[in-house]
Amino acid sequence: MLDKQHRLRTKDVLFLTKKRQYFWSWLFWFFYVVQYPNLKYNQISFHVSIKYNKHATARNIIKRAIINYVQAKDIESTPIWDKFYKIFITLNKSKIEELQKKFANMDKKHIITSVQEMFTNSFTALSKALWKSSKI
């Protein structure tokens, strides 16, 4: 679990989704905004829709895989291209059925590794997009 200071609060998530500044990849949507200047860390939260699976344990496997990746790479404490961000991450709703089919016959270990690989690709694309937007 992320430290409390590195997690977004409900009002931050509502603000990010209303602001509609986002980036999406195949599986993930990233809603983001530049962090306040006095806060020198990223704040991140995740959401896996109940449409993926009604059982919380199945959704938590995906959330924990992403959290473990974020903590291992120290994303919450390091700037993304010289800035800190508030980032809300959710699954792309149009890809949930494909994801369910893909993970239907996989064991937990393989689900975790494939989610982390997909998140790595998506987060790399996000950081490149943020870098390009900061250069303009």
N, C-alpha and C. Protein backbone atom coordinates (compact mmCIF):
# COMPACT_ATOMS: atom_id res chain seq x y z
N MET A 1 0.84 -1.18 0.00
CA MET A 1 0.00 0.00 0.00
C MET A 1 0.88 1.24 0.00
N LEU A 2 0.46 2.23 -0.73
CA LEU A 2 1.19 3.49 -0.77
C LEU A 2 1.02 4.25 0.53
N ASP A 3 2.03 5.06 0.86
CA ASP A 3 1.91 5.92 2.03
C ASP A 3 0.74 6.87 1.84
N LYS A 4 0.20 7.33 2.94
CA LYS A 4 -0.98 8.19 2.88
C LYS A 4 -0.72 9.47 2.08
N GLN A 5 0.47 10.04 2.23
CA GLN A 5 0.75 11.28 1.51
C GLN A 5 0.86 11.07 0.01
N HIS A 6 1.15 9.85 -0.42
CA HIS A 6 1.30 9.56 -1.84
C HIS A 6 0.00 9.12 -2.50
N ARG A 7 -1.07 9.00 -1.73
CA ARG A 7 -2.37 8.62 -2.27
C ARG A 7 -3.23 9.86 -2.50
N LEU A 8 -4.05 9.81 -3.53
CA LEU A 8 -4.98 10.90 -3.78
C LEU A 8 -6.20 10.78 -2.87
N ARG A 9 -6.75 11.91 -2.52
CA ARG A 9 -8.00 11.91 -1.77
C ARG A 9 -9.17 11.94 -2.75
N THR A 10 -10.34 11.72 -2.26
CA THR A 10 -11.53 11.67 -3.11
C THR A 10 -11.73 12.98 -3.87
N LYS A 11 -11.55 14.09 -3.20
CA LYS A 11 -11.76 15.37 -3.87
C LYS A 11 -10.73 15.58 -5.00
N ASP A 12 -9.52 15.06 -4.84
CA ASP A 12 -8.51 15.16 -5.90
C ASP A 12 -8.92 14.32 -7.11
N VAL A 13 -9.44 13.11 -6.85
CA VAL A 13 -9.87 12.23 -7.94
C VAL A 13 -11.03 12.88 -8.70
N LEU A 14 -11.99 13.44 -7.99
CA LEU A 14 -13.11 14.11 -8.63
C LEU A 14 -12.63 15.29 -9.48
N PHE A 15 -11.67 16.05 -8.95
CA PHE A 15 -11.12 17.17 -9.70
C PHE A 15 -10.42 16.70 -10.97
N LEU A 16 -9.62 15.64 -10.86
CA LEU A 16 -8.88 15.14 -12.03
C LEU A 16 -9.81 14.63 -13.12
N THR A 17 -10.85 13.93 -12.73
CA THR A 17 -11.76 13.39 -13.74
C THR A 17 -12.62 14.49 -14.37
N LYS A 18 -12.89 15.57 -13.65
CA LYS A 18 -13.64 16.69 -14.23
C LYS A 18 -12.76 17.56 -15.12
N LYS A 19 -11.51 17.69 -14.75
CA LYS A 19 -10.59 18.52 -15.54
C LYS A 19 -10.34 17.93 -16.92
N ARG A 20 -10.41 16.60 -17.02
CA ARG A 20 -10.31 15.86 -18.27
C ARG A 20 -8.98 16.06 -19.00
N GLN A 21 -7.92 16.22 -18.25
CA GLN A 21 -6.58 16.21 -18.82
C GLN A 21 -6.08 14.79 -18.67
N TYR A 22 -6.06 14.04 -19.75
CA TYR A 22 -5.79 12.61 -19.63
C TYR A 22 -4.91 12.10 -20.76
N PHE A 23 -4.39 10.91 -20.53
CA PHE A 23 -3.62 10.17 -21.52
C PHE A 23 -4.10 8.73 -21.42
N TRP A 24 -4.26 8.06 -22.55
CA TRP A 24 -4.68 6.67 -22.49
C TRP A 24 -3.78 5.81 -23.36
N SER A 25 -3.64 4.59 -22.92
CA SER A 25 -2.93 3.60 -23.70
C SER A 25 -3.89 2.44 -23.92
N TRP A 26 -3.40 1.31 -24.32
CA TRP A 26 -4.28 0.20 -24.63
C TRP A 26 -5.17 -0.18 -23.45
N LEU A 27 -4.62 -0.30 -22.28
CA LEU A 27 -5.38 -0.79 -21.14
C LEU A 27 -5.69 0.27 -20.09
N PHE A 28 -4.87 1.28 -19.95
CA PHE A 28 -5.00 2.23 -18.85
C PHE A 28 -5.36 3.63 -19.31
N TRP A 29 -6.13 4.31 -18.48
CA TRP A 29 -6.38 5.75 -18.61
C TRP A 29 -5.64 6.43 -17.46
N PHE A 30 -4.91 7.49 -17.78
CA PHE A 30 -4.19 8.28 -16.79
C PHE A 30 -4.77 9.68 -16.78
N PHE A 31 -5.41 10.07 -15.69
CA PHE A 31 -5.86 11.44 -15.50
C PHE A 31 -4.78 12.12 -14.66
N TYR A 32 -4.32 13.29 -15.08
CA TYR A 32 -3.18 13.89 -14.38
C TYR A 32 -3.29 15.41 -14.36
N VAL A 33 -2.58 15.97 -13.42
CA VAL A 33 -2.40 17.41 -13.32
C VAL A 33 -1.08 17.64 -12.59
N VAL A 34 -0.45 18.76 -12.85
CA VAL A 34 0.82 19.07 -12.20
C VAL A 34 0.57 19.30 -10.71
N GLN A 35 1.45 18.74 -9.91
CA GLN A 35 1.34 18.83 -8.44
C GLN A 35 1.56 20.27 -7.98
N TYR A 36 1.04 20.60 -6.81
CA TYR A 36 1.27 21.91 -6.21
C TYR A 36 2.77 22.12 -6.04
N PRO A 37 3.25 23.36 -6.20
CA PRO A 37 4.70 23.60 -6.12
C PRO A 37 5.34 23.26 -4.77
N ASN A 38 4.58 23.34 -3.69
CA ASN A 38 5.16 23.07 -2.38
C ASN A 38 5.23 21.57 -2.04
N LEU A 39 4.60 20.72 -2.84
CA LEU A 39 4.63 19.27 -2.61
C LEU A 39 5.63 18.63 -3.55
N LYS A 40 6.65 18.03 -2.99
CA LYS A 40 7.74 17.47 -3.78
C LYS A 40 7.62 15.95 -3.89
N TYR A 41 6.45 15.48 -4.29
CA TYR A 41 6.23 14.05 -4.52
C TYR A 41 5.01 13.89 -5.41
N ASN A 42 4.91 12.74 -6.05
CA ASN A 42 3.74 12.40 -6.85
C ASN A 42 2.66 11.81 -5.96
N GLN A 43 1.42 12.04 -6.33
CA GLN A 43 0.29 11.39 -5.66
C GLN A 43 -0.42 10.55 -6.70
N ILE A 44 -0.66 9.29 -6.35
CA ILE A 44 -1.20 8.33 -7.32
C ILE A 44 -2.33 7.54 -6.67
N SER A 45 -3.38 7.28 -7.44
CA SER A 45 -4.45 6.38 -7.02
C SER A 45 -4.88 5.54 -8.20
N PHE A 46 -5.49 4.39 -7.90
CA PHE A 46 -5.88 3.42 -8.90
C PHE A 46 -7.34 3.05 -8.72
N HIS A 47 -7.96 2.67 -9.82
CA HIS A 47 -9.33 2.17 -9.75
C HIS A 47 -9.50 1.06 -10.77
N VAL A 48 -9.99 -0.07 -10.31
CA VAL A 48 -10.36 -1.17 -11.20
C VAL A 48 -11.86 -1.32 -11.08
N SER A 49 -12.54 -1.14 -12.20
CA SER A 49 -14.00 -1.13 -12.22
C SER A 49 -14.59 -2.47 -11.81
N ILE A 50 -15.76 -2.41 -11.22
CA ILE A 50 -16.48 -3.62 -10.85
C ILE A 50 -16.93 -4.38 -12.10
N LYS A 51 -16.91 -3.71 -13.24
CA LYS A 51 -17.24 -4.38 -14.50
C LYS A 51 -16.20 -5.43 -14.86
N TYR A 52 -14.98 -5.27 -14.35
CA TYR A 52 -13.94 -6.27 -14.61
C TYR A 52 -14.31 -7.58 -13.91
N ASN A 53 -14.63 -7.50 -12.64
CA ASN A 53 -15.02 -8.68 -11.88
C ASN A 53 -15.75 -8.21 -10.63
N LYS A 54 -16.82 -8.91 -10.28
CA LYS A 54 -17.60 -8.51 -9.11
C LYS A 54 -16.89 -8.83 -7.80
N HIS A 55 -15.92 -9.72 -7.85
CA HIS A 55 -15.19 -10.12 -6.65
C HIS A 55 -14.00 -9.18 -6.42
N ALA A 56 -13.94 -8.62 -5.24
CA ALA A 56 -12.87 -7.66 -4.91
C ALA A 56 -11.49 -8.31 -4.99
N THR A 57 -11.40 -9.59 -4.70
CA THR A 57 -10.08 -10.25 -4.73
C THR A 57 -9.49 -10.22 -6.13
N ALA A 58 -10.30 -10.40 -7.15
CA ALA A 58 -9.81 -10.36 -8.53
C ALA A 58 -9.37 -8.95 -8.91
N ARG A 59 -10.12 -7.95 -8.48
CA ARG A 59 -9.74 -6.57 -8.77
C ARG A 59 -8.48 -6.17 -8.00
N ASN A 60 -8.36 -6.66 -6.77
CA ASN A 60 -7.20 -6.31 -5.96
C ASN A 60 -5.91 -6.90 -6.50
N ILE A 61 -5.97 -8.01 -7.21
CA ILE A 61 -4.76 -8.57 -7.82
C ILE A 61 -4.16 -7.55 -8.78
N ILE A 62 -5.01 -6.94 -9.59
CA ILE A 62 -4.53 -5.94 -10.55
C ILE A 62 -4.01 -4.70 -9.83
N LYS A 63 -4.76 -4.23 -8.83
CA LYS A 63 -4.33 -3.04 -8.09
C LYS A 63 -3.01 -3.27 -7.38
N ARG A 64 -2.86 -4.42 -6.75
CA ARG A 64 -1.61 -4.71 -6.03
C ARG A 64 -0.44 -4.87 -6.99
N ALA A 65 -0.68 -5.40 -8.15
CA ALA A 65 0.39 -5.53 -9.14
C ALA A 65 0.91 -4.15 -9.54
N ILE A 66 -0.01 -3.21 -9.73
CA ILE A 66 0.39 -1.85 -10.10
C ILE A 66 1.08 -1.17 -8.93
N ILE A 67 0.54 -1.32 -7.74
CA ILE A 67 1.15 -0.69 -6.55
C ILE A 67 2.56 -1.23 -6.32
N ASN A 68 2.75 -2.52 -6.46
CA ASN A 68 4.09 -3.10 -6.29
C ASN A 68 5.06 -2.57 -7.32
N TYR A 69 4.58 -2.38 -8.55
CA TYR A 69 5.44 -1.81 -9.59
C TYR A 69 5.81 -0.37 -9.25
N VAL A 70 4.82 0.43 -8.83
CA VAL A 70 5.06 1.83 -8.49
C VAL A 70 6.06 1.94 -7.35
N GLN A 71 5.92 1.10 -6.33
CA GLN A 71 6.84 1.16 -5.20
C GLN A 71 8.23 0.66 -5.58
N ALA A 72 8.31 -0.36 -6.42
CA ALA A 72 9.61 -0.89 -6.82
C ALA A 72 10.39 0.12 -7.65
N LYS A 73 9.71 0.84 -8.50
CA LYS A 73 10.35 1.84 -9.36
C LYS A 73 10.45 3.20 -8.68
N ASP A 74 9.92 3.32 -7.47
CA ASP A 74 9.95 4.56 -6.69
C ASP A 74 9.32 5.73 -7.45
N ILE A 75 8.25 5.45 -8.15
CA ILE A 75 7.57 6.46 -8.96
C ILE A 75 6.94 7.54 -8.09
N GLU A 76 6.45 7.17 -6.92
CA GLU A 76 5.75 8.14 -6.09
C GLU A 76 6.67 9.22 -5.52
N SER A 77 7.98 8.95 -5.49
CA SER A 77 8.91 9.91 -4.89
C SER A 77 9.82 10.61 -5.89
N THR A 78 9.86 10.13 -7.12
CA THR A 78 10.75 10.73 -8.11
C THR A 78 9.95 11.57 -9.11
N PRO A 79 10.50 12.69 -9.53
CA PRO A 79 9.77 13.53 -10.49
C PRO A 79 9.68 12.86 -11.86
N ILE A 80 8.61 13.16 -12.57
CA ILE A 80 8.44 12.68 -13.93
C ILE A 80 8.82 13.86 -14.83
N TRP A 81 9.97 13.77 -15.45
CA TRP A 81 10.49 14.84 -16.30
C TRP A 81 10.48 16.18 -15.57
N ASP A 82 11.12 16.22 -14.42
CA ASP A 82 11.36 17.42 -13.62
C ASP A 82 10.11 18.04 -12.98
N LYS A 83 9.00 17.34 -13.00
CA LYS A 83 7.80 17.83 -12.34
C LYS A 83 7.17 16.68 -11.56
N PHE A 84 6.39 17.06 -10.57
CA PHE A 84 5.61 16.08 -9.82
C PHE A 84 4.15 16.21 -10.25
N TYR A 85 3.42 15.10 -10.20
CA TYR A 85 2.04 15.08 -10.71
C TYR A 85 1.09 14.41 -9.73
N LYS A 86 -0.17 14.76 -9.87
CA LYS A 86 -1.27 13.99 -9.28
C LYS A 86 -1.78 13.12 -10.42
N ILE A 87 -1.82 11.80 -10.21
CA ILE A 87 -2.20 10.88 -11.28
C ILE A 87 -3.26 9.90 -10.77
N PHE A 88 -4.35 9.80 -11.52
CA PHE A 88 -5.40 8.83 -11.23
C PHE A 88 -5.41 7.84 -12.38
N ILE A 89 -5.28 6.56 -12.06
CA ILE A 89 -5.16 5.51 -13.08
C ILE A 89 -6.37 4.59 -13.00
N THR A 90 -6.96 4.33 -14.15
CA THR A 90 -8.10 3.43 -14.21
C THR A 90 -8.00 2.57 -15.47
N LEU A 91 -8.76 1.50 -15.49
CA LEU A 91 -8.77 0.63 -16.66
C LEU A 91 -9.61 1.25 -17.77
N ASN A 92 -9.20 0.99 -19.00
CA ASN A 92 -9.96 1.40 -20.17
C ASN A 92 -11.20 0.51 -20.26
N LYS A 93 -12.37 1.09 -20.10
CA LYS A 93 -13.61 0.30 -20.03
C LYS A 93 -13.89 -0.48 -21.30
N SER A 94 -13.45 0.01 -22.43
CA SER A 94 -13.71 -0.70 -23.69
C SER A 94 -12.84 -1.95 -23.84
N LYS A 95 -11.80 -2.08 -23.04
CA LYS A 95 -10.90 -3.23 -23.13
C LYS A 95 -11.12 -4.25 -22.01
N ILE A 96 -12.11 -4.04 -21.17
CA ILE A 96 -12.33 -4.92 -20.02
C ILE A 96 -12.67 -6.35 -20.46
N GLU A 97 -13.50 -6.48 -21.49
CA GLU A 97 -13.87 -7.83 -21.95
C GLU A 97 -12.66 -8.59 -22.48
N GLU A 98 -11.80 -7.90 -23.23
CA GLU A 98 -10.58 -8.54 -23.72
C GLU A 98 -9.69 -8.97 -22.56
N LEU A 99 -9.60 -8.12 -21.58
CA LEU A 99 -8.79 -8.42 -20.40
C LEU A 99 -9.34 -9.62 -19.64
N GLN A 100 -10.65 -9.69 -19.50
CA GLN A 100 -11.26 -10.82 -18.82
C GLN A 100 -10.96 -12.13 -19.55
N LYS A 101 -11.07 -12.11 -20.87
CA LYS A 101 -10.78 -13.31 -21.67
C LYS A 101 -9.32 -13.71 -21.55
N LYS A 102 -8.46 -12.71 -21.55
CA LYS A 102 -7.03 -12.99 -21.46
C LYS A 102 -6.65 -13.60 -20.11
N PHE A 103 -7.25 -13.09 -19.04
CA PHE A 103 -6.90 -13.55 -17.70
C PHE A 103 -7.75 -14.71 -17.20
N ALA A 104 -8.70 -15.16 -17.99
CA ALA A 104 -9.63 -16.21 -17.54
C ALA A 104 -8.92 -17.49 -17.12
N ASN A 105 -7.94 -17.93 -17.87
CA ASN A 105 -7.27 -19.20 -17.59
C ASN A 105 -5.86 -19.03 -17.04
N MET A 106 -5.52 -17.82 -16.62
CA MET A 106 -4.19 -17.57 -16.08
C MET A 106 -4.19 -17.73 -14.57
N ASP A 107 -3.05 -18.12 -14.04
CA ASP A 107 -2.93 -18.14 -12.59
C ASP A 107 -2.49 -16.75 -12.11
N LYS A 108 -2.55 -16.55 -10.80
CA LYS A 108 -2.32 -15.24 -10.20
C LYS A 108 -0.94 -14.67 -10.56
N LYS A 109 0.08 -15.52 -10.55
CA LYS A 109 1.45 -15.06 -10.81
C LYS A 109 1.58 -14.51 -12.23
N HIS A 110 0.98 -15.18 -13.21
CA HIS A 110 1.06 -14.72 -14.59
C HIS A 110 0.22 -13.46 -14.83
N ILE A 111 -0.89 -13.36 -14.11
CA ILE A 111 -1.71 -12.14 -14.21
C ILE A 111 -0.90 -10.94 -13.72
N ILE A 112 -0.23 -11.10 -12.59
CA ILE A 112 0.56 -10.01 -12.02
C ILE A 112 1.67 -9.58 -12.97
N THR A 113 2.41 -10.53 -13.52
CA THR A 113 3.50 -10.16 -14.42
C THR A 113 3.00 -9.51 -15.70
N SER A 114 1.88 -9.99 -16.25
CA SER A 114 1.38 -9.37 -17.48
C SER A 114 0.81 -7.98 -17.22
N VAL A 115 0.14 -7.78 -16.08
CA VAL A 115 -0.35 -6.44 -15.74
C VAL A 115 0.82 -5.49 -15.55
N GLN A 116 1.87 -5.93 -14.89
CA GLN A 116 3.03 -5.07 -14.69
C GLN A 116 3.72 -4.74 -16.01
N GLU A 117 3.77 -5.67 -16.93
CA GLU A 117 4.36 -5.39 -18.25
C GLU A 117 3.51 -4.36 -19.00
N MET A 118 2.19 -4.55 -18.98
CA MET A 118 1.30 -3.59 -19.65
C MET A 118 1.40 -2.22 -19.01
N PHE A 119 1.49 -2.19 -17.67
CA PHE A 119 1.60 -0.91 -16.98
C PHE A 119 2.94 -0.24 -17.29
N THR A 120 4.00 -1.02 -17.39
CA THR A 120 5.30 -0.46 -17.73
C THR A 120 5.24 0.24 -19.09
N ASN A 121 4.66 -0.43 -20.07
CA ASN A 121 4.54 0.16 -21.40
C ASN A 121 3.67 1.41 -21.38
N SER A 122 2.58 1.36 -20.67
CA SER A 122 1.67 2.50 -20.59
C SER A 122 2.30 3.68 -19.86
N PHE A 123 2.97 3.40 -18.74
CA PHE A 123 3.57 4.48 -17.97
C PHE A 123 4.73 5.12 -18.72
N THR A 124 5.48 4.31 -19.47
CA THR A 124 6.56 4.85 -20.30
C THR A 124 5.98 5.79 -21.36
N ALA A 125 4.88 5.38 -21.98
CA ALA A 125 4.23 6.23 -22.97
C ALA A 125 3.71 7.51 -22.33
N LEU A 126 3.16 7.42 -21.12
CA LEU A 126 2.69 8.60 -20.41
C LEU A 126 3.84 9.56 -20.13
N SER A 127 4.95 9.04 -19.63
CA SER A 127 6.07 9.93 -19.30
C SER A 127 6.63 10.60 -20.56
N LYS A 128 6.63 9.89 -21.68
CA LYS A 128 7.07 10.52 -22.94
C LYS A 128 6.10 11.62 -23.36
N ALA A 129 4.80 11.37 -23.19
CA ALA A 129 3.81 12.39 -23.54
C ALA A 129 3.93 13.61 -22.64
N LEU A 130 4.17 13.40 -21.35
CA LEU A 130 4.34 14.52 -20.43
C LEU A 130 5.61 15.30 -20.76
N TRP A 131 6.64 14.59 -21.18
CA TRP A 131 7.89 15.26 -21.55
C TRP A 131 7.67 16.13 -22.78
N LYS A 132 6.95 15.60 -23.77
CA LYS A 132 6.67 16.38 -24.98
C LYS A 132 5.83 17.60 -24.68
N SER A 133 4.84 17.44 -23.79
CA SER A 133 3.97 18.57 -23.46
C SER A 133 4.71 19.64 -22.67
N SER A 134 5.72 19.24 -21.89
CA SER A 134 6.47 20.25 -21.13
C SER A 134 7.47 20.99 -22.01
N LYS A 135 7.82 20.41 -23.15
CA LYS A 135 8.78 21.05 -24.06
C LYS A 135 8.12 22.12 -24.92
N ILE A 136 6.78 22.07 -25.06
CA ILE A 136 6.07 23.01 -25.95
C ILE A 136 6.03 24.38 -25.34
